[in-house]
Amino acid sequence: MDSDDPDRVLGMISGDFTMSVQFSQGAGKSAEFVGDREGLVAYLAQREKSTLVHHIDIGAVIGEYELVLGRTTRDGVFEASFNATAQLDSAGAVRRLLIARTPEVDFAR
């Protein structure tokens, strides 16, 4: 999603795609982006393109599931941690996506 063409992720989802992104700005301020393809379009539209950089610190694939722990940075400075879990279909497209993001917890190394 950090590429010059973040909307290309729309080609990576299945026809029965469902998502929820729990997006915290800290101090109890949060929003949830939910839905199907249109929910993902709305989420992509609100992002700060080319401003936040996503870093995956650790990930695992367990059967049809992919899980990652990462962080976002702004100008190289920590902004938030995130967890993401995706369920893939037999063709490798994302069927389900759950993301949680918060600046309140930093998994600093």
Protein backbone atom coordinates (compact mmCIF):
# COMPACT_ATOMS: atom_id res chain seq x y z
CA MET A 1 0.00 0.00 0.00
CA ASP A 2 3.04 2.30 0.22
CA SER A 3 3.84 1.98 -3.48
CA ASP A 4 3.20 4.57 -6.17
CA ASP A 5 0.03 2.60 -6.99
CA PRO A 6 -1.56 1.62 -3.64
CA ASP A 7 -4.86 0.84 -5.36
CA ARG A 8 -3.24 -2.23 -6.94
CA VAL A 9 -4.23 -4.10 -3.74
CA LEU A 10 -7.78 -4.11 -5.13
CA GLY A 11 -6.60 -6.76 -7.59
CA MET A 12 -5.43 -8.96 -4.70
CA ILE A 13 -8.84 -9.49 -3.06
CA SER A 14 -11.40 -12.23 -3.61
CA GLY A 15 -14.99 -11.77 -4.69
CA ASP A 16 -16.22 -12.50 -1.16
CA PHE A 17 -13.75 -10.12 0.54
CA THR A 18 -14.64 -8.73 3.98
CA MET A 19 -12.50 -6.43 6.13
CA SER A 20 -12.25 -4.45 9.33
CA VAL A 21 -9.52 -1.93 10.07
CA GLN A 22 -9.52 -0.66 13.66
CA PHE A 23 -7.63 2.63 13.35
CA SER A 24 -6.63 4.37 16.59
CA GLN A 25 -5.03 7.80 16.68
CA GLY A 26 -4.42 7.39 20.40
CA ALA A 27 -6.06 8.93 23.45
CA GLY A 28 -9.27 7.02 22.77
CA LYS A 29 -9.75 8.50 19.29
CA SER A 30 -10.45 5.77 16.78
CA ALA A 31 -12.34 4.85 13.65
CA GLU A 32 -13.31 1.56 12.06
CA PHE A 33 -13.27 0.95 8.34
CA VAL A 34 -15.45 -2.05 7.48
CA GLY A 35 -17.01 -3.75 4.55
CA ASP A 36 -16.26 -5.41 1.28
CA ARG A 37 -14.43 -4.05 -1.75
CA GLU A 38 -16.08 -0.62 -1.29
CA GLY A 39 -14.91 -0.55 2.34
CA LEU A 40 -11.36 -1.15 1.16
CA VAL A 41 -11.72 1.61 -1.45
CA ALA A 42 -12.85 4.01 1.32
CA TYR A 43 -9.92 3.00 3.52
CA LEU A 44 -7.42 3.51 0.69
CA ALA A 45 -8.93 6.91 -0.14
CA GLN A 46 -8.35 8.33 3.36
CA ARG A 47 -4.73 7.25 3.68
CA GLU A 48 -1.86 9.70 3.64
CA LYS A 49 -0.18 8.42 0.49
CA SER A 50 3.61 8.74 0.42
CA THR A 51 3.60 10.12 3.99
CA LEU A 52 3.37 7.06 6.24
CA VAL A 53 5.67 4.12 5.64
CA HIS A 54 4.64 0.62 6.77
CA HIS A 55 7.37 -1.68 8.11
CA ILE A 56 6.69 -5.38 8.72
CA ASP A 57 8.81 -6.48 11.68
CA ILE A 58 7.69 -10.11 11.87
CA GLY A 59 5.28 -12.32 10.01
CA ALA A 60 4.05 -15.87 9.81
CA VAL A 61 2.09 -18.01 7.40
CA ILE A 62 0.01 -20.75 8.95
CA GLY A 63 -2.00 -22.65 6.36
CA GLU A 64 -4.37 -20.18 4.69
CA TYR A 65 -3.58 -17.40 7.18
CA GLU A 66 -0.93 -14.68 7.09
CA LEU A 67 -0.17 -12.67 10.22
CA VAL A 68 2.15 -9.69 10.64
CA LEU A 69 3.29 -7.29 13.34
CA GLY A 70 4.64 -4.00 12.12
CA ARG A 71 4.87 -0.27 12.58
CA THR A 72 4.29 2.89 10.64
CA THR A 73 6.74 5.75 10.57
CA ARG A 74 6.46 9.37 9.46
CA ASP A 75 9.74 10.91 8.32
CA GLY A 76 11.50 7.95 9.95
CA VAL A 77 9.85 8.50 13.36
CA PHE A 78 7.56 5.89 14.95
CA GLU A 79 3.88 6.70 14.60
CA ALA A 80 1.96 3.49 15.36
CA SER A 81 2.12 -0.29 15.69
CA PHE A 82 -0.18 -2.56 13.71
CA ASN A 83 -1.23 -6.20 13.56
CA ALA A 84 -2.76 -7.63 10.42
CA THR A 85 -4.33 -11.02 9.78
CA ALA A 86 -5.40 -12.15 6.33
CA GLN A 87 -7.20 -15.31 5.24
CA LEU A 88 -6.40 -16.36 1.68
CA ASP A 89 -8.50 -18.37 -0.75
CA SER A 90 -7.15 -21.31 -2.78
CA ALA A 91 -5.91 -18.92 -5.50
CA GLY A 92 -4.02 -16.76 -2.98
CA ALA A 93 -6.47 -13.83 -2.97
CA VAL A 94 -7.38 -12.19 0.34
CA ARG A 95 -10.84 -13.25 1.61
CA ARG A 96 -10.76 -11.74 5.09
CA LEU A 97 -8.62 -8.93 6.49
CA LEU A 98 -8.41 -7.70 10.07
CA ILE A 99 -6.05 -4.86 10.96
CA ALA A 100 -5.58 -3.13 14.30
CA ARG A 101 -3.44 0.00 14.62
CA THR A 102 -2.47 2.13 17.63
CA PRO A 103 0.22 4.65 18.58
CA GLU A 104 -0.22 3.64 22.23
CA VAL A 105 1.97 0.51 22.03
CA ASP A 106 5.46 0.47 20.54
CA PHE A 107 7.17 -2.90 20.15
CA ALA A 108 10.59 -1.22 20.20
CA ARG A 109 13.61 -3.42 19.71
